[in-house]
Amino acid sequence: MIGSNRVIVRGHGREYYVKAGEGKLSTDLGMIDLAEVAGLEDGAAVLTHLGKPFHVFVPKATDFFSHGKRTGAPMMPKDIGMVMAYTGMCRRDRVLDAGTGSGIAAIFFGGCAGSVVTCEARPEFSKIAEGNIRDAGLDNVECRACDVLEVTDGPYDIIHLDMQIQPEHVRHVYPLLKIGGYFATYTPFLEQTFCVMDTAREMFGEESVLTFECMERELTRSKRGTRPSTRVSHTGYLTVCRKL
């Protein structure tokens, strides 16, 4: 059963992000009883009072990227995916994530890793992220309203930073990382990327530091032809290091 958590209600070209359990969802195709939604199976159909069918889904991490409450611009799913891919994140891993923001990366990580500790220095941001994570139904993600420099409870298998990174942040998390573990950072500007690269080379060794530009180009297809979209394809830079 879906229960009284957040759900996606989709149909007829419309999509709603609502809490199941009590009240009504008003659409231009009729009212949906949210108490009825709470008793359905994931993917089941529900009818409006006018008999129009909609389908109900338990949200995935991509849905929280689209619908979760935001405190700023979160990492794009492709960039989060690169972190997960290049660190080999899996259910055995204990992950430290700093720069929680809206909690979107932590939600993606929580669906894959064994456990996640996510730190946000701004308490008001941490509170919003905690709400998003709670809506995602993840009991393996712990939200901490603190600076990553206050974290001392290593070791971690993976450490990820998406924040204004200074050399002291890289130096602080290095001893918190297990031998064989991965350190990853997402940085939007080259100047900050150079700071990470230079400090990481001191700690991890020059050959262990890899930096990539994060790019994605959507294809646009029309009657005239197919070509890459003219939307912005560059988002930032990912640096990955392994502690050996």
C-alpha atoms as a PDB file:
ATOM      1  CA  MET A   1       0.000   0.000   0.000  1.00  0.00           C
ATOM      2  CA  ILE A   2       1.118   3.563  -0.718  1.00  0.00           C
ATOM      3  CA  GLY A   3       0.337   4.852   2.794  1.00  0.00           C
ATOM      4  CA  SER A   4       0.166   8.505   3.865  1.00  0.00           C
ATOM      5  CA  ASN A   5       3.309   9.755   2.177  1.00  0.00           C
ATOM      6  CA  ARG A   6       4.010  11.889  -0.886  1.00  0.00           C
ATOM      7  CA  VAL A   7       2.771  10.527  -4.206  1.00  0.00           C
ATOM      8  CA  ILE A   8       2.770  11.468  -7.880  1.00  0.00           C
ATOM      9  CA  VAL A   9      -0.688  11.602  -9.468  1.00  0.00           C
ATOM     10  CA  ARG A  10      -0.367  11.581 -13.258  1.00  0.00           C
ATOM     11  CA  GLY A  11      -2.701  11.448 -16.218  1.00  0.00           C
ATOM     12  CA  HIS A  12      -4.097  13.340 -19.217  1.00  0.00           C
ATOM     13  CA  GLY A  13      -0.886  15.324 -19.571  1.00  0.00           C
ATOM     14  CA  ARG A  14      -1.054  16.518 -15.963  1.00  0.00           C
ATOM     15  CA  GLU A  15       1.119  15.702 -12.949  1.00  0.00           C
ATOM     16  CA  TYR A  16       0.552  16.483  -9.267  1.00  0.00           C
ATOM     17  CA  TYR A  17       2.844  16.020  -6.246  1.00  0.00           C
ATOM     18  CA  VAL A  18       0.633  15.568  -3.189  1.00  0.00           C
ATOM     19  CA  LYS A  19       0.418  13.943   0.209  1.00  0.00           C
ATOM     20  CA  ALA A  20      -1.868  10.918   0.317  1.00  0.00           C
ATOM     21  CA  GLY A  21      -4.209  10.320   3.231  1.00  0.00           C
ATOM     22  CA  GLU A  22      -6.633  13.190   3.817  1.00  0.00           C
ATOM     23  CA  GLY A  23      -8.407  15.824   1.772  1.00  0.00           C
ATOM     24  CA  LYS A  24      -9.170  16.179  -1.916  1.00  0.00           C
ATOM     25  CA  LEU A  25      -7.027  16.915  -4.970  1.00  0.00           C
ATOM     26  CA  SER A  26      -8.829  19.353  -7.246  1.00  0.00           C
ATOM     27  CA  THR A  27      -8.167  18.993 -10.971  1.00  0.00           C
ATOM     28  CA  ASP A  28      -9.981  20.369 -14.010  1.00  0.00           C
ATOM     29  CA  LEU A  29     -11.087  16.787 -14.654  1.00  0.00           C
ATOM     30  CA  GLY A  30     -12.663  16.310 -11.246  1.00  0.00           C
ATOM     31  CA  MET A  31     -11.820  15.710  -7.580  1.00  0.00           C
ATOM     32  CA  ILE A  32      -9.606  12.862  -6.330  1.00  0.00           C
ATOM     33  CA  ASP A  33     -10.101  11.494  -2.818  1.00  0.00           C
ATOM     34  CA  LEU A  34      -6.602  11.371  -1.270  1.00  0.00           C
ATOM     35  CA  ALA A  35      -7.795   8.960   1.425  1.00  0.00           C
ATOM     36  CA  GLU A  36      -8.568   6.501  -1.371  1.00  0.00           C
ATOM     37  CA  VAL A  37      -5.100   7.086  -2.845  1.00  0.00           C
ATOM     38  CA  ALA A  38      -3.461   6.030   0.442  1.00  0.00           C
ATOM     39  CA  GLY A  39      -4.958   2.560   0.115  1.00  0.00           C
ATOM     40  CA  LEU A  40      -3.758   1.892  -3.441  1.00  0.00           C
ATOM     41  CA  GLU A  41      -0.800  -0.059  -4.768  1.00  0.00           C
ATOM     42  CA  ASP A  42       2.055   1.751  -6.518  1.00  0.00           C
ATOM     43  CA  GLY A  43       1.035   2.328 -10.146  1.00  0.00           C
ATOM     44  CA  ALA A  44      -2.674   1.763  -9.535  1.00  0.00           C
ATOM     45  CA  ALA A  45      -5.410   3.843 -11.143  1.00  0.00           C
ATOM     46  CA  VAL A  46      -7.748   6.197  -9.298  1.00  0.00           C
ATOM     47  CA  LEU A  47     -10.868   7.862 -10.694  1.00  0.00           C
ATOM     48  CA  THR A  48     -11.959  11.439 -10.188  1.00  0.00           C
ATOM     49  CA  HIS A  49     -15.556  12.053  -9.148  1.00  0.00           C
ATOM     50  CA  LEU A  50     -16.205  12.624 -12.884  1.00  0.00           C
ATOM     51  CA  GLY A  51     -14.836   9.183 -13.733  1.00  0.00           C
ATOM     52  CA  LYS A  52     -11.526  10.357 -15.257  1.00  0.00           C
ATOM     53  CA  PRO A  53      -8.625   7.948 -14.571  1.00  0.00           C
ATOM     54  CA  PHE A  54      -5.270   8.981 -13.134  1.00  0.00           C
ATOM     55  CA  HIS A  55      -2.373   6.778 -12.042  1.00  0.00           C
ATOM     56  CA  VAL A  56      -0.654   7.024  -8.672  1.00  0.00           C
ATOM     57  CA  PHE A  57       3.076   6.436  -8.174  1.00  0.00           C
ATOM     58  CA  VAL A  58       5.483   6.394  -5.255  1.00  0.00           C
ATOM     59  CA  PRO A  59       7.984   9.149  -6.159  1.00  0.00           C
ATOM     60  CA  LYS A  60      11.507   8.249  -7.211  1.00  0.00           C
ATOM     61  CA  ALA A  61      14.551  10.443  -6.627  1.00  0.00           C
ATOM     62  CA  THR A  62      14.029  12.098 -10.024  1.00  0.00           C
ATOM     63  CA  ASP A  63      10.548  13.179  -8.889  1.00  0.00           C
ATOM     64  CA  PHE A  64      11.971  14.866  -5.786  1.00  0.00           C
ATOM     65  CA  PHE A  65      14.374  16.743  -8.060  1.00  0.00           C
ATOM     66  CA  SER A  66      11.348  18.063  -9.946  1.00  0.00           C
ATOM     67  CA  HIS A  67       8.903  18.557  -7.072  1.00  0.00           C
ATOM     68  CA  GLY A  68      10.820  18.718  -3.765  1.00  0.00           C
ATOM     69  CA  LYS A  69      10.948  22.005  -1.868  1.00  0.00           C
ATOM     70  CA  ARG A  70      14.094  23.905  -2.887  1.00  0.00           C
ATOM     71  CA  THR A  71      16.502  26.188  -1.082  1.00  0.00           C
ATOM     72  CA  GLY A  72      18.534  26.871  -4.216  1.00  0.00           C
ATOM     73  CA  ALA A  73      19.699  25.116  -7.362  1.00  0.00           C
ATOM     74  CA  PRO A  74      20.404  21.427  -6.607  1.00  0.00           C
ATOM     75  CA  MET A  75      22.921  19.294  -8.468  1.00  0.00           C
ATOM     76  CA  MET A  76      21.528  17.963 -11.726  1.00  0.00           C
ATOM     77  CA  PRO A  77      20.655  14.231 -11.789  1.00  0.00           C
ATOM     78  CA  LYS A  78      23.388  13.564 -14.367  1.00  0.00           C
ATOM     79  CA  ASP A  79      26.010  15.112 -12.057  1.00  0.00           C
ATOM     80  CA  ILE A  80      24.749  13.123  -9.075  1.00  0.00           C
ATOM     81  CA  GLY A  81      24.851  10.025 -11.273  1.00  0.00           C
ATOM     82  CA  MET A  82      28.482  10.699 -12.170  1.00  0.00           C
ATOM     83  CA  VAL A  83      29.353  10.832  -8.460  1.00  0.00           C
ATOM     84  CA  MET A  84      27.608   7.498  -7.893  1.00  0.00           C
ATOM     85  CA  ALA A  85      29.198   5.907 -10.969  1.00  0.00           C
ATOM     86  CA  TYR A  86      32.789   7.046 -10.425  1.00  0.00           C
ATOM     87  CA  THR A  87      32.753   6.141  -6.722  1.00  0.00           C
ATOM     88  CA  GLY A  88      31.024   2.787  -7.286  1.00  0.00           C
ATOM     89  CA  MET A  89      28.464   3.647  -4.595  1.00  0.00           C
ATOM     90  CA  CYS A  90      26.571   0.572  -3.368  1.00  0.00           C
ATOM     91  CA  ARG A  91      24.540  -0.744  -0.439  1.00  0.00           C
ATOM     92  CA  ARG A  92      27.688  -1.594   1.567  1.00  0.00           C
ATOM     93  CA  ASP A  93      28.797   2.043   1.697  1.00  0.00           C
ATOM     94  CA  ARG A  94      28.605   4.608   4.462  1.00  0.00           C
ATOM     95  CA  VAL A  95      28.463   8.021   2.758  1.00  0.00           C
ATOM     96  CA  LEU A  96      29.208  11.523   4.050  1.00  0.00           C
ATOM     97  CA  ASP A  97      27.559  14.259   1.977  1.00  0.00           C
ATOM     98  CA  ALA A  98      28.242  17.926   2.774  1.00  0.00           C
ATOM     99  CA  GLY A  99      26.395  20.906   1.355  1.00  0.00           C
ATOM    100  CA  THR A 100      22.966  19.274   1.675  1.00  0.00           C
ATOM    101  CA  GLY A 101      21.027  22.157   0.154  1.00  0.00           C
ATOM    102  CA  SER A 102      17.567  20.805  -0.674  1.00  0.00           C
ATOM    103  CA  GLY A 103      18.657  17.225   0.045  1.00  0.00           C
ATOM    104  CA  ILE A 104      18.294  15.995  -3.537  1.00  0.00           C
ATOM    105  CA  ALA A 105      21.757  14.387  -3.775  1.00  0.00           C
ATOM    106  CA  ALA A 106      21.227  12.786  -0.355  1.00  0.00           C
ATOM    107  CA  ILE A 107      17.937  11.297  -1.601  1.00  0.00           C
ATOM    108  CA  PHE A 108      19.664   9.797  -4.653  1.00  0.00           C
ATOM    109  CA  PHE A 109      22.513   8.489  -2.475  1.00  0.00           C
ATOM    110  CA  GLY A 110      20.091   7.097   0.124  1.00  0.00           C
ATOM    111  CA  GLY A 111      18.382   4.953  -2.498  1.00  0.00           C
ATOM    112  CA  CYS A 112      21.709   3.278  -3.287  1.00  0.00           C
ATOM    113  CA  ALA A 113      24.032   3.391  -0.261  1.00  0.00           C
ATOM    114  CA  GLY A 114      23.749   1.593   3.035  1.00  0.00           C
ATOM    115  CA  SER A 115      23.648   4.813   5.042  1.00  0.00           C
ATOM    116  CA  VAL A 116      24.131   8.541   4.413  1.00  0.00           C
ATOM    117  CA  VAL A 117      25.071  11.384   6.736  1.00  0.00           C
ATOM    118  CA  THR A 118      24.373  14.741   5.089  1.00  0.00           C
ATOM    119  CA  CYS A 119      25.599  18.032   6.584  1.00  0.00           C
ATOM    120  CA  GLU A 120      24.296  21.536   5.958  1.00  0.00           C
ATOM    121  CA  ALA A 121      25.766  24.544   7.762  1.00  0.00           C
ATOM    122  CA  ARG A 122      22.564  26.606   7.376  1.00  0.00           C
ATOM    123  CA  PRO A 123      19.938  25.266   9.827  1.00  0.00           C
ATOM    124  CA  GLU A 124      17.000  26.631   7.814  1.00  0.00           C
ATOM    125  CA  PHE A 125      18.232  24.762   4.722  1.00  0.00           C
ATOM    126  CA  SER A 126      18.839  21.589   6.724  1.00  0.00           C
ATOM    127  CA  LYS A 127      15.256  21.683   8.032  1.00  0.00           C
ATOM    128  CA  ILE A 128      13.830  21.891   4.499  1.00  0.00           C
ATOM    129  CA  ALA A 129      16.121  19.102   3.281  1.00  0.00           C
ATOM    130  CA  GLU A 130      15.067  16.939   6.215  1.00  0.00           C
ATOM    131  CA  GLY A 131      11.440  17.385   5.143  1.00  0.00           C
ATOM    132  CA  ASN A 132      12.236  16.309   1.578  1.00  0.00           C
ATOM    133  CA  ILE A 133      14.172  13.283   2.833  1.00  0.00           C
ATOM    134  CA  ARG A 134      11.328  12.343   5.162  1.00  0.00           C
ATOM    135  CA  ASP A 135       8.868  12.625   2.251  1.00  0.00           C
ATOM    136  CA  ALA A 136      11.141  10.252   0.312  1.00  0.00           C
ATOM    137  CA  GLY A 137      10.654   7.646   3.042  1.00  0.00           C
ATOM    138  CA  LEU A 138      14.384   7.152   3.592  1.00  0.00           C
ATOM    139  CA  ASP A 139      15.289   6.007   7.101  1.00  0.00           C
ATOM    140  CA  ASN A 140      18.963   5.491   6.207  1.00  0.00           C
ATOM    141  CA  VAL A 141      19.699   9.210   5.682  1.00  0.00           C
ATOM    142  CA  GLU A 142      20.658  11.373   8.668  1.00  0.00           C
ATOM    143  CA  CYS A 143      20.438  15.175   8.325  1.00  0.00           C
ATOM    144  CA  ARG A 144      22.853  17.206  10.430  1.00  0.00           C
ATOM    145  CA  ALA A 145      22.722  20.997  10.728  1.00  0.00           C
ATOM    146  CA  CYS A 146      26.468  21.493  11.018  1.00  0.00           C
ATOM    147  CA  ASP A 147      29.627  22.415   9.144  1.00  0.00           C
ATOM    148  CA  VAL A 148      31.488  19.448   7.677  1.00  0.00           C
ATOM    149  CA  LEU A 149      34.519  20.595   9.694  1.00  0.00           C
ATOM    150  CA  GLU A 150      32.585  19.481  12.799  1.00  0.00           C
ATOM    151  CA  VAL A 151      32.244  15.892  11.557  1.00  0.00           C
ATOM    152  CA  THR A 152      34.650  13.488  13.279  1.00  0.00           C
ATOM    153  CA  ASP A 153      32.801  10.148  13.264  1.00  0.00           C
ATOM    154  CA  GLY A 154      34.592   8.426  10.417  1.00  0.00           C
ATOM    155  CA  PRO A 155      35.443   6.239   8.726  1.00  0.00           C
ATOM    156  CA  TYR A 156      33.337   6.699   5.596  1.00  0.00           C
ATOM    157  CA  ASP A 157      33.488   4.749   2.334  1.00  0.00           C
ATOM    158  CA  ILE A 158      32.587   7.804   0.220  1.00  0.00           C
ATOM    159  CA  ILE A 159      32.760  11.523   0.991  1.00  0.00           C
ATOM    160  CA  HIS A 160      31.048  14.015  -1.318  1.00  0.00           C
ATOM    161  CA  LEU A 161      31.217  17.816  -1.068  1.00  0.00           C
ATOM    162  CA  ASP A 162      28.958  20.240  -2.949  1.00  0.00           C
ATOM    163  CA  MET A 163      29.716  23.563  -1.253  1.00  0.00           C
ATOM    164  CA  GLN A 164      32.149  26.480  -1.145  1.00  0.00           C
ATOM    165  CA  ILE A 165      35.213  24.266  -0.723  1.00  0.00           C
ATOM    166  CA  GLN A 166      38.391  25.568   0.871  1.00  0.00           C
ATOM    167  CA  PRO A 167      41.684  23.644   1.314  1.00  0.00           C
ATOM    168  CA  GLU A 168      40.840  22.992   4.980  1.00  0.00           C
ATOM    169  CA  HIS A 169      37.727  21.047   3.951  1.00  0.00           C
ATOM    170  CA  VAL A 170      39.731  18.638   1.801  1.00  0.00           C
ATOM    171  CA  ARG A 171      42.365  18.229   4.527  1.00  0.00           C
ATOM    172  CA  HIS A 172      39.726  17.677   7.218  1.00  0.00           C
ATOM    173  CA  VAL A 173      37.811  14.908   5.451  1.00  0.00           C
ATOM    174  CA  TYR A 174      40.908  12.996   4.300  1.00  0.00           C
ATOM    175  CA  PRO A 175      41.407  11.123   7.627  1.00  0.00           C
ATOM    176  CA  LEU A 176      37.651  10.411   7.777  1.00  0.00           C
ATOM    177  CA  LEU A 177      37.896   8.372   4.570  1.00  0.00           C
ATOM    178  CA  LYS A 178      38.602   4.635   4.583  1.00  0.00           C
ATOM    179  CA  ILE A 179      41.585   3.237   2.734  1.00  0.00           C
ATOM    180  CA  GLY A 180      40.184   2.379  -0.686  1.00  0.00           C
ATOM    181  CA  GLY A 181      37.385   4.908  -0.274  1.00  0.00           C
ATOM    182  CA  TYR A 182      36.477   7.719  -2.664  1.00  0.00           C
ATOM    183  CA  PHE A 183      36.399  11.487  -2.255  1.00  0.00           C
ATOM    184  CA  ALA A 184      34.282  13.446  -4.753  1.00  0.00           C
ATOM    185  CA  THR A 185      33.503  17.128  -5.175  1.00  0.00           C
ATOM    186  CA  TYR A 186      31.154  19.064  -7.398  1.00  0.00           C
ATOM    187  CA  THR A 187      32.374  22.603  -8.157  1.00  0.00           C
ATOM    188  CA  PRO A 188      30.672  25.136 -10.447  1.00  0.00           C
ATOM    189  CA  PHE A 189      33.716  27.324 -11.190  1.00  0.00           C
ATOM    190  CA  LEU A 190      37.255  26.616 -12.381  1.00  0.00           C
ATOM    191  CA  GLU A 191      38.862  28.642  -9.589  1.00  0.00           C
ATOM    192  CA  GLN A 192      37.239  26.450  -6.939  1.00  0.00           C
ATOM    193  CA  THR A 193      38.012  23.343  -8.974  1.00  0.00           C
ATOM    194  CA  PHE A 194      41.714  24.278  -9.050  1.00  0.00           C
ATOM    195  CA  CYS A 195      41.631  24.678  -5.253  1.00  0.00           C
ATOM    196  CA  VAL A 196      40.232  21.150  -4.898  1.00  0.00           C
ATOM    197  CA  MET A 197      42.643  19.652  -7.423  1.00  0.00           C
ATOM    198  CA  ASP A 198      45.744  21.232  -5.896  1.00  0.00           C
ATOM    199  CA  THR A 199      44.847  20.319  -2.307  1.00  0.00           C
ATOM    200  CA  ALA A 200      43.714  16.812  -3.246  1.00  0.00           C
ATOM    201  CA  ARG A 201      47.022  16.158  -5.001  1.00  0.00           C
ATOM    202  CA  GLU A 202      48.799  16.957  -1.743  1.00  0.00           C
ATOM    203  CA  MET A 203      46.627  14.500   0.181  1.00  0.00           C
ATOM    204  CA  PHE A 204      45.839  11.727  -2.301  1.00  0.00           C
ATOM    205  CA  GLY A 205      48.773  11.916  -4.711  1.00  0.00           C
ATOM    206  CA  GLU A 206      48.754  13.426  -8.171  1.00  0.00           C
ATOM    207  CA  GLU A 207      47.884  10.207 -10.018  1.00  0.00           C
ATOM    208  CA  SER A 208      44.797   9.621  -7.854  1.00  0.00           C
ATOM    209  CA  VAL A 209      43.043  12.879  -8.813  1.00  0.00           C
ATOM    210  CA  LEU A 210      40.688  12.918 -11.809  1.00  0.00           C
ATOM    211  CA  THR A 211      38.633  15.945 -12.860  1.00  0.00           C
ATOM    212  CA  PHE A 212      35.841  15.969 -15.461  1.00  0.00           C
ATOM    213  CA  GLU A 213      33.637  18.599 -16.995  1.00  0.00           C
ATOM    214  CA  CYS A 214      29.983  17.658 -16.505  1.00  0.00           C
ATOM    215  CA  MET A 215      28.092  18.009 -19.781  1.00  0.00           C
ATOM    216  CA  GLU A 216      24.860  16.684 -21.244  1.00  0.00           C
ATOM    217  CA  ARG A 217      23.263  17.520 -24.588  1.00  0.00           C
ATOM    218  CA  GLU A 218      19.618  16.710 -25.171  1.00  0.00           C
ATOM    219  CA  LEU A 219      18.543  15.836 -28.713  1.00  0.00           C
ATOM    220  CA  THR A 220      15.771  17.883 -30.317  1.00  0.00           C
ATOM    221  CA  ARG A 221      13.761  16.133 -33.037  1.00  0.00           C
ATOM    222  CA  SER A 222      11.262  17.879 -35.299  1.00  0.00           C
ATOM    223  CA  LYS A 223       9.933  17.639 -38.856  1.00  0.00           C
ATOM    224  CA  ARG A 224      12.911  19.707 -39.992  1.00  0.00           C
ATOM    225  CA  GLY A 225      15.440  17.259 -38.530  1.00  0.00           C
ATOM    226  CA  THR A 226      17.321  16.174 -35.421  1.00  0.00           C
ATOM    227  CA  ARG A 227      20.076  18.151 -33.697  1.00  0.00           C
ATOM    228  CA  PRO A 228      21.502  18.793 -30.220  1.00  0.00           C
ATOM    229  CA  SER A 229      19.368  21.097 -28.122  1.00  0.00           C
ATOM    230  CA  THR A 230      20.524  24.697 -27.799  1.00  0.00           C
ATOM    231  CA  ARG A 231      19.994  24.562 -24.034  1.00  0.00           C
ATOM    232  CA  VAL A 232      23.008  25.002 -21.745  1.00  0.00           C
ATOM    233  CA  SER A 233      24.835  21.672 -21.624  1.00  0.00           C
ATOM    234  CA  HIS A 234      27.647  22.516 -19.175  1.00  0.00           C
ATOM    235  CA  THR A 235      26.882  22.451 -15.441  1.00  0.00           C
ATOM    236  CA  GLY A 236      30.156  22.165 -13.513  1.00  0.00           C
ATOM    237  CA  TYR A 237      33.194  20.055 -12.674  1.00  0.00           C
ATOM    238  CA  LEU A 238      33.533  16.757 -10.854  1.00  0.00           C
ATOM    239  CA  THR A 239      36.764  15.811  -9.101  1.00  0.00           C
ATOM    240  CA  VAL A 240      37.183  12.228  -7.868  1.00  0.00           C
ATOM    241  CA  CYS A 241      40.053  10.817  -5.805  1.00  0.00           C
ATOM    242  CA  ARG A 242      40.670   7.407  -4.263  1.00  0.00           C
ATOM    243  CA  LYS A 243      42.534   6.945  -1.005  1.00  0.00           C
ATOM    244  CA  LEU A 244      45.161   4.265  -1.561  1.00  0.00           C
END
